């Protein structure tokens, strides 16, 4: 199953702050996320204390926060370094 993405304003703002190398890594992992959100390389998991909010890893430092919207759409909530989890 392929998922369609929606992007929050926060995601877009923080995505544009990443370096071009980081954005390239995010783009590659997002293509995996859109085709299979539970792919092992993403290390997808629920964010504790936030029902329905998931995180996946781009690399050991960068994370993407996302949630499902109506079954086949992913809402990309935020992207950034691991400390974005502290800002929820």
C-alpha atoms as a PDB file:
ATOM      1  CA  UNK A   1       0.000   0.000   0.000  1.00  0.00           C
ATOM      2  CA  UNK A   2       1.265   3.464  -0.859  1.00  0.00           C
ATOM      3  CA  UNK A   3       0.438   6.386   1.402  1.00  0.00           C
ATOM      4  CA  UNK A   4      -0.190   9.960   0.315  1.00  0.00           C
ATOM      5  CA  UNK A   5       1.541  12.640   2.394  1.00  0.00           C
ATOM      6  CA  UNK A   6       0.280  15.892   3.856  1.00  0.00           C
ATOM      7  CA  UNK A   7       2.823  18.291   5.344  1.00  0.00           C
ATOM      8  CA  UNK A   8       2.229  20.544   8.329  1.00  0.00           C
ATOM      9  CA  UNK A   9       3.561  24.112   8.217  1.00  0.00           C
ATOM     10  CA  UNK A  10       5.870  23.156  11.097  1.00  0.00           C
ATOM     11  CA  UNK A  11       7.296  20.234   9.093  1.00  0.00           C
ATOM     12  CA  UNK A  12       7.979  22.439   6.061  1.00  0.00           C
ATOM     13  CA  UNK A  13       9.582  25.176   8.169  1.00  0.00           C
ATOM     14  CA  UNK A  14      11.909  22.747   9.951  1.00  0.00           C
ATOM     15  CA  UNK A  15      12.654  20.758   6.782  1.00  0.00           C
ATOM     16  CA  UNK A  16      13.904  23.934   5.079  1.00  0.00           C
ATOM     17  CA  UNK A  17      16.257  24.598   8.021  1.00  0.00           C
ATOM     18  CA  UNK A  18      18.064  21.299   7.466  1.00  0.00           C
ATOM     19  CA  UNK A  19      21.248  21.191   5.417  1.00  0.00           C
ATOM     20  CA  UNK A  20      21.031  19.941   1.845  1.00  0.00           C
ATOM     21  CA  UNK A  21      22.693  16.662   2.880  1.00  0.00           C
ATOM     22  CA  UNK A  22      20.128  16.218   5.679  1.00  0.00           C
ATOM     23  CA  UNK A  23      17.227  17.062   3.339  1.00  0.00           C
ATOM     24  CA  UNK A  24      18.489  14.492   0.838  1.00  0.00           C
ATOM     25  CA  UNK A  25      18.560  11.824   3.585  1.00  0.00           C
ATOM     26  CA  UNK A  26      15.041  12.841   4.676  1.00  0.00           C
ATOM     27  CA  UNK A  27      13.762  12.603   1.087  1.00  0.00           C
ATOM     28  CA  UNK A  28      15.155   9.083   0.675  1.00  0.00           C
ATOM     29  CA  UNK A  29      13.619   7.833   3.931  1.00  0.00           C
ATOM     30  CA  UNK A  30      10.281   9.531   3.220  1.00  0.00           C
ATOM     31  CA  UNK A  31       9.977   7.536   0.012  1.00  0.00           C
ATOM     32  CA  UNK A  32      10.342   4.389   2.132  1.00  0.00           C
ATOM     33  CA  UNK A  33       7.870   5.731   4.695  1.00  0.00           C
ATOM     34  CA  UNK A  34       5.258   6.421   2.016  1.00  0.00           C
ATOM     35  CA  UNK A  35       5.495   2.888   0.666  1.00  0.00           C
ATOM     36  CA  UNK A  36       5.893   1.018   3.984  1.00  0.00           C
ATOM     37  CA  UNK A  37       5.676   2.909   7.317  1.00  0.00           C
ATOM     38  CA  UNK A  38       6.790  -0.185   9.217  1.00  0.00           C
ATOM     39  CA  UNK A  39       9.947  -0.800   7.147  1.00  0.00           C
ATOM     40  CA  UNK A  40      12.722  -1.932   9.547  1.00  0.00           C
ATOM     41  CA  UNK A  41      15.175   0.767   8.420  1.00  0.00           C
ATOM     42  CA  UNK A  42      12.800   3.465   9.715  1.00  0.00           C
ATOM     43  CA  UNK A  43      12.679   2.093  13.273  1.00  0.00           C
ATOM     44  CA  UNK A  44       9.076   3.351  13.482  1.00  0.00           C
ATOM     45  CA  UNK A  45       7.515   3.541  16.925  1.00  0.00           C
ATOM     46  CA  UNK A  46       4.723   5.280  18.780  1.00  0.00           C
ATOM     47  CA  UNK A  47       5.770   8.380  20.683  1.00  0.00           C
ATOM     48  CA  UNK A  48       5.117   7.759  24.373  1.00  0.00           C
ATOM     49  CA  UNK A  49       2.407   9.940  25.847  1.00  0.00           C
ATOM     50  CA  UNK A  50       1.083  11.064  22.458  1.00  0.00           C
ATOM     51  CA  UNK A  51      -1.655   8.800  21.172  1.00  0.00           C
ATOM     52  CA  UNK A  52      -1.454   8.275  17.436  1.00  0.00           C
ATOM     53  CA  UNK A  53       1.842  10.138  16.969  1.00  0.00           C
ATOM     54  CA  UNK A  54       4.673   8.119  15.477  1.00  0.00           C
ATOM     55  CA  UNK A  55       8.346   8.761  14.967  1.00  0.00           C
ATOM     56  CA  UNK A  56      10.739   7.258  12.492  1.00  0.00           C
ATOM     57  CA  UNK A  57      14.478   7.631  12.148  1.00  0.00           C
ATOM     58  CA  UNK A  58      16.192   9.232   9.214  1.00  0.00           C
ATOM     59  CA  UNK A  59      19.582   8.587  10.774  1.00  0.00           C
ATOM     60  CA  UNK A  60      20.852   8.374  14.340  1.00  0.00           C
ATOM     61  CA  UNK A  61      20.077  12.071  14.924  1.00  0.00           C
ATOM     62  CA  UNK A  62      17.189  13.155  12.668  1.00  0.00           C
ATOM     63  CA  UNK A  63      13.596  12.101  13.307  1.00  0.00           C
ATOM     64  CA  UNK A  64      10.290  12.584  11.516  1.00  0.00           C
ATOM     65  CA  UNK A  65       7.071  12.817  13.511  1.00  0.00           C
ATOM     66  CA  UNK A  66       3.904  11.734  11.734  1.00  0.00           C
ATOM     67  CA  UNK A  67       0.394  10.474  12.194  1.00  0.00           C
ATOM     68  CA  UNK A  68      -2.252   8.770  10.091  1.00  0.00           C
ATOM     69  CA  UNK A  69      -5.098  10.784   8.600  1.00  0.00           C
ATOM     70  CA  UNK A  70      -7.917   8.698   7.177  1.00  0.00           C
ATOM     71  CA  UNK A  71      -6.192   5.403   6.538  1.00  0.00           C
ATOM     72  CA  UNK A  72      -4.026   6.139   3.505  1.00  0.00           C
ATOM     73  CA  UNK A  73      -2.714   9.619   4.240  1.00  0.00           C
ATOM     74  CA  UNK A  74       0.249  10.420   6.428  1.00  0.00           C
ATOM     75  CA  UNK A  75       0.404  13.832   8.087  1.00  0.00           C
ATOM     76  CA  UNK A  76       4.055  14.746   8.506  1.00  0.00           C
ATOM     77  CA  UNK A  77       4.029  16.760  11.715  1.00  0.00           C
ATOM     78  CA  UNK A  78       7.687  17.691  12.251  1.00  0.00           C
ATOM     79  CA  UNK A  79      11.254  16.868  11.254  1.00  0.00           C
ATOM     80  CA  UNK A  80      14.507  17.649  12.999  1.00  0.00           C
ATOM     81  CA  UNK A  81      17.203  16.541  15.296  1.00  0.00           C
ATOM     82  CA  UNK A  82      16.365  14.120  18.086  1.00  0.00           C
ATOM     83  CA  UNK A  83      15.454  16.967  20.482  1.00  0.00           C
ATOM     84  CA  UNK A  84      12.211  17.635  18.563  1.00  0.00           C
ATOM     85  CA  UNK A  85      10.716  15.005  20.864  1.00  0.00           C
ATOM     86  CA  UNK A  86      11.408  17.325  23.814  1.00  0.00           C
ATOM     87  CA  UNK A  87       9.380  20.105  22.166  1.00  0.00           C
ATOM     88  CA  UNK A  88       6.079  18.235  21.967  1.00  0.00           C
END
